[in-house]
C-alpha atoms as a PDB file:
ATOM      1  CA  UNK A   1     -15.339  10.036  14.553  1.00  0.00           C
ATOM      2  CA  UNK A   2     -16.736  12.244  12.127  1.00  0.00           C
ATOM      3  CA  UNK A   3     -16.046   9.671   8.842  1.00  0.00           C
ATOM      4  CA  UNK A   4     -19.283   7.478  10.402  1.00  0.00           C
ATOM      5  CA  UNK A   5     -21.208  10.757  10.936  1.00  0.00           C
ATOM      6  CA  UNK A   6     -21.054  11.973   7.752  1.00  0.00           C
ATOM      7  CA  UNK A   7     -21.961   8.654   6.682  1.00  0.00           C
ATOM      8  CA  UNK A   8     -24.972   8.377   8.673  1.00  0.00           C
ATOM      9  CA  UNK A   9     -26.224  11.735   6.675  1.00  0.00           C
ATOM     10  CA  UNK A  10     -25.860  10.213   3.459  1.00  0.00           C
ATOM     11  CA  UNK A  11     -27.312   7.454   4.079  1.00  0.00           C
ATOM     12  CA  UNK A  12     -30.727   9.489   4.695  1.00  0.00           C
ATOM     13  CA  UNK A  13     -30.022  11.627   1.089  1.00  0.00           C
ATOM     14  CA  UNK A  14     -29.628   7.821  -0.064  1.00  0.00           C
ATOM     15  CA  UNK A  15     -33.316   7.367   1.658  1.00  0.00           C
ATOM     16  CA  UNK A  16     -34.824  10.775  -0.341  1.00  0.00           C
ATOM     17  CA  UNK A  17     -32.551   9.171  -3.953  1.00  0.00           C
ATOM     18  CA  UNK A  18     -34.557   5.892  -4.146  1.00  0.00           C
ATOM     19  CA  UNK A  19     -37.326   7.999  -3.532  1.00  0.00           C
ATOM     20  CA  UNK A  20     -37.191   9.486  -5.984  1.00  0.00           C
ATOM     21  CA  UNK A  21     -36.271   5.840  -7.533  1.00  0.00           C
ATOM     22  CA  UNK A  22     -39.221   5.516  -6.620  1.00  0.00           C
ATOM     23  CA  UNK A  23     -40.950   7.825  -8.438  1.00  0.00           C
ATOM     24  CA  UNK A  24     -38.806   7.498 -11.720  1.00  0.00           C
ATOM     25  CA  UNK A  25     -37.521  10.821 -11.248  1.00  0.00           C
ATOM     26  CA  UNK A  26     -32.695  10.468 -11.375  1.00  0.00           C
ATOM     27  CA  UNK A  27     -31.607   9.136  -8.626  1.00  0.00           C
ATOM     28  CA  UNK A  28     -30.279  12.156  -6.209  1.00  0.00           C
ATOM     29  CA  UNK A  29     -31.210  12.690  -2.986  1.00  0.00           C
ATOM     30  CA  UNK A  30     -30.252  15.565  -0.263  1.00  0.00           C
ATOM     31  CA  UNK A  31     -30.075  16.304   3.027  1.00  0.00           C
ATOM     32  CA  UNK A  32     -29.072  19.713   5.453  1.00  0.00           C
ATOM     33  CA  UNK A  33     -27.896  19.061   8.956  1.00  0.00           C
ATOM     34  CA  UNK A  34     -27.619  21.945  12.146  1.00  0.00           C
ATOM     35  CA  UNK A  35     -26.536  21.122  15.061  1.00  0.00           C
ATOM     36  CA  UNK A  36     -26.075  17.131  14.340  1.00  0.00           C
ATOM     37  CA  UNK A  37     -30.048  16.949  13.457  1.00  0.00           C
ATOM     38  CA  UNK A  38     -31.755  16.644  10.285  1.00  0.00           C
ATOM     39  CA  UNK A  39     -33.366  20.497   9.487  1.00  0.00           C
ATOM     40  CA  UNK A  40     -34.558  19.151   5.540  1.00  0.00           C
ATOM     41  CA  UNK A  41     -34.276  15.576   3.107  1.00  0.00           C
ATOM     42  CA  UNK A  42     -35.521  15.979  -0.072  1.00  0.00           C
ATOM     43  CA  UNK A  43     -34.673  14.739  -4.061  1.00  0.00           C
ATOM     44  CA  UNK A  44     -35.502  15.776  -6.985  1.00  0.00           C
ATOM     45  CA  UNK A  45     -38.665  16.938  -8.425  1.00  0.00           C
ATOM     46  CA  UNK A  46     -37.624  17.943 -11.932  1.00  0.00           C
ATOM     47  CA  UNK A  47     -40.450  15.829 -13.552  1.00  0.00           C
ATOM     48  CA  UNK A  48     -43.139  16.112 -11.341  1.00  0.00           C
ATOM     49  CA  UNK A  49     -43.067  19.448 -11.331  1.00  0.00           C
ATOM     50  CA  UNK A  50     -42.218  19.793 -15.165  1.00  0.00           C
ATOM     51  CA  UNK A  51     -39.444  22.331 -13.340  1.00  0.00           C
ATOM     52  CA  UNK A  52     -36.004  22.145 -14.334  1.00  0.00           C
ATOM     53  CA  UNK A  53     -34.539  23.484 -10.294  1.00  0.00           C
ATOM     54  CA  UNK A  54     -36.059  21.174  -8.861  1.00  0.00           C
ATOM     55  CA  UNK A  55     -32.991  19.734  -7.762  1.00  0.00           C
ATOM     56  CA  UNK A  56     -32.426  17.747  -4.631  1.00  0.00           C
ATOM     57  CA  UNK A  57     -30.615  20.453  -3.925  1.00  0.00           C
ATOM     58  CA  UNK A  58     -32.256  22.970  -4.636  1.00  0.00           C
ATOM     59  CA  UNK A  59     -35.599  21.447  -2.860  1.00  0.00           C
ATOM     60  CA  UNK A  60     -32.681  21.335   0.863  1.00  0.00           C
ATOM     61  CA  UNK A  61     -31.754  24.129   0.485  1.00  0.00           C
ATOM     62  CA  UNK A  62     -35.106  26.158   0.178  1.00  0.00           C
ATOM     63  CA  UNK A  63     -36.494  24.151   3.228  1.00  0.00           C
ATOM     64  CA  UNK A  64     -33.938  24.631   4.718  1.00  0.00           C
ATOM     65  CA  UNK A  65     -33.425  27.990   4.444  1.00  0.00           C
ATOM     66  CA  UNK A  66     -37.735  28.172   5.742  1.00  0.00           C
ATOM     67  CA  UNK A  67     -36.974  26.240   9.118  1.00  0.00           C
ATOM     68  CA  UNK A  68     -33.867  28.335   9.664  1.00  0.00           C
ATOM     69  CA  UNK A  69     -36.072  31.344   9.203  1.00  0.00           C
ATOM     70  CA  UNK A  70     -33.389  33.007   6.747  1.00  0.00           C
ATOM     71  CA  UNK A  71     -31.187  32.314   3.688  1.00  0.00           C
ATOM     72  CA  UNK A  72     -27.546  31.641   5.184  1.00  0.00           C
ATOM     73  CA  UNK A  73     -27.640  28.087   5.978  1.00  0.00           C
ATOM     74  CA  UNK A  74     -24.594  29.567   7.572  1.00  0.00           C
ATOM     75  CA  UNK A  75     -23.679  26.777   9.842  1.00  0.00           C
ATOM     76  CA  UNK A  76     -25.171  24.101   8.678  1.00  0.00           C
ATOM     77  CA  UNK A  77     -23.894  20.981   6.479  1.00  0.00           C
ATOM     78  CA  UNK A  78     -25.423  20.246   3.276  1.00  0.00           C
ATOM     79  CA  UNK A  79     -24.996  16.065   2.252  1.00  0.00           C
ATOM     80  CA  UNK A  80     -26.137  14.343  -1.868  1.00  0.00           C
ATOM     81  CA  UNK A  81     -25.745  11.763  -2.906  1.00  0.00           C
ATOM     82  CA  UNK A  82     -24.172  12.990  -6.321  1.00  0.00           C
ATOM     83  CA  UNK A  83     -22.318  16.111  -6.892  1.00  0.00           C
ATOM     84  CA  UNK A  84     -24.418  19.610  -7.550  1.00  0.00           C
ATOM     85  CA  UNK A  85     -24.187  20.914 -10.938  1.00  0.00           C
ATOM     86  CA  UNK A  86     -23.334  24.234 -11.625  1.00  0.00           C
ATOM     87  CA  UNK A  87     -26.809  25.704 -10.700  1.00  0.00           C
ATOM     88  CA  UNK A  88     -27.118  23.700  -7.395  1.00  0.00           C
ATOM     89  CA  UNK A  89     -23.811  25.360  -6.559  1.00  0.00           C
ATOM     90  CA  UNK A  90     -24.429  29.039  -6.947  1.00  0.00           C
ATOM     91  CA  UNK A  91     -27.184  27.953  -5.061  1.00  0.00           C
ATOM     92  CA  UNK A  92     -24.762  26.375  -2.361  1.00  0.00           C
ATOM     93  CA  UNK A  93     -22.125  29.030  -2.609  1.00  0.00           C
ATOM     94  CA  UNK A  94     -25.243  31.802  -1.761  1.00  0.00           C
ATOM     95  CA  UNK A  95     -26.428  30.016   0.783  1.00  0.00           C
ATOM     96  CA  UNK A  96     -23.365  30.364   2.512  1.00  0.00           C
ATOM     97  CA  UNK A  97     -23.651  26.819   3.421  1.00  0.00           C
ATOM     98  CA  UNK A  98     -20.009  26.174   5.043  1.00  0.00           C
ATOM     99  CA  UNK A  99     -19.423  22.271   3.801  1.00  0.00           C
ATOM    100  CA  UNK A 100     -20.993  20.114   1.261  1.00  0.00           C
ATOM    101  CA  UNK A 101     -20.683  16.228   1.501  1.00  0.00           C
ATOM    102  CA  UNK A 102     -21.151  14.459  -1.499  1.00  0.00           C
ATOM    103  CA  UNK A 103     -21.475  10.877  -3.133  1.00  0.00           C
ATOM    104  CA  UNK A 104     -20.674   9.719  -6.588  1.00  0.00           C
ATOM    105  CA  UNK A 105     -18.551  11.999  -8.928  1.00  0.00           C
ATOM    106  CA  UNK A 106     -20.990  14.097 -11.424  1.00  0.00           C
ATOM    107  CA  UNK A 107     -18.518  13.081 -14.925  1.00  0.00           C
ATOM    108  CA  UNK A 108     -21.086  14.848 -17.406  1.00  0.00           C
ATOM    109  CA  UNK A 109     -22.848  17.940 -15.332  1.00  0.00           C
ATOM    110  CA  UNK A 110     -20.558  18.487 -12.136  1.00  0.00           C
ATOM    111  CA  UNK A 111     -19.810  21.903 -10.729  1.00  0.00           C
ATOM    112  CA  UNK A 112     -15.986  20.923 -11.040  1.00  0.00           C
ATOM    113  CA  UNK A 113     -16.298  20.242 -14.704  1.00  0.00           C
ATOM    114  CA  UNK A 114     -16.815  24.297 -14.513  1.00  0.00           C
ATOM    115  CA  UNK A 115     -14.418  27.611 -14.690  1.00  0.00           C
ATOM    116  CA  UNK A 116     -14.683  29.787 -11.892  1.00  0.00           C
ATOM    117  CA  UNK A 117     -15.516  29.594  -8.479  1.00  0.00           C
ATOM    118  CA  UNK A 118     -19.161  28.361  -7.991  1.00  0.00           C
ATOM    119  CA  UNK A 119     -19.109  27.591  -3.696  1.00  0.00           C
ATOM    120  CA  UNK A 120     -18.586  30.101  -1.370  1.00  0.00           C
ATOM    121  CA  UNK A 121     -14.652  30.296  -1.105  1.00  0.00           C
ATOM    122  CA  UNK A 122     -14.487  29.255   2.360  1.00  0.00           C
ATOM    123  CA  UNK A 123     -17.307  26.095   1.781  1.00  0.00           C
ATOM    124  CA  UNK A 124     -15.097  22.438   2.371  1.00  0.00           C
ATOM    125  CA  UNK A 125     -16.580  20.044  -0.296  1.00  0.00           C
ATOM    126  CA  UNK A 126     -16.170  16.281   1.075  1.00  0.00           C
ATOM    127  CA  UNK A 127     -16.667  13.439  -1.503  1.00  0.00           C
ATOM    128  CA  UNK A 128     -16.457  10.586  -2.237  1.00  0.00           C
ATOM    129  CA  UNK A 129     -18.554   8.985   0.845  1.00  0.00           C
ATOM    130  CA  UNK A 130     -20.608   5.974   0.427  1.00  0.00           C
ATOM    131  CA  UNK A 131     -19.737   6.207  -3.193  1.00  0.00           C
ATOM    132  CA  UNK A 132     -20.147   2.911  -4.712  1.00  0.00           C
ATOM    133  CA  UNK A 133     -23.779   3.500  -3.181  1.00  0.00           C
ATOM    134  CA  UNK A 134     -24.107   6.225  -3.909  1.00  0.00           C
ATOM    135  CA  UNK A 135     -23.254   5.866  -8.108  1.00  0.00           C
ATOM    136  CA  UNK A 136     -25.223   2.215  -7.470  1.00  0.00           C
ATOM    137  CA  UNK A 137     -28.310   3.838  -7.835  1.00  0.00           C
ATOM    138  CA  UNK A 138     -27.928   6.325 -10.531  1.00  0.00           C
ATOM    139  CA  UNK A 139     -26.785   2.755 -13.147  1.00  0.00           C
ATOM    140  CA  UNK A 140     -29.638   1.211 -11.568  1.00  0.00           C
ATOM    141  CA  UNK A 141     -32.337   4.470 -13.191  1.00  0.00           C
ATOM    142  CA  UNK A 142     -30.341   4.287 -15.917  1.00  0.00           C
ATOM    143  CA  UNK A 143     -30.135   1.048 -17.119  1.00  0.00           C
ATOM    144  CA  UNK A 144     -33.735   0.739 -15.971  1.00  0.00           C
ATOM    145  CA  UNK A 145     -34.320   3.448 -19.221  1.00  0.00           C
ATOM    146  CA  UNK A 146     -32.572   1.669 -21.646  1.00  0.00           C
END
């Protein structure tokens, strides 16, 4: 049952990734879920905003915190199509989100390449949800750039 729910929300994150793709942004999408409802949707906007911090996760965390009226995402799950970078993992840690679900590993810039604890110690990580679909959108994007 949890697997089906994870796939449902990862598909919503993939929809966001496709919005980024259409804008010629690196196609990463994220959604924040609270009580089985999406409260925030976001995708990369680094090119659009000329802001290197405008990653999908950062945009989604900000939107979710605004929706909740507080900085902690204690009852939320963050879904993202690509393994978060160190910056985003740190922000997720500060948000105290208890669960993060991601699709594809990021072999170059993923937070797991960094030594030390970036996520909150109690955060549960679920990886590999719709991994193939998440990876394919990245491969397609970077092939179009060559």
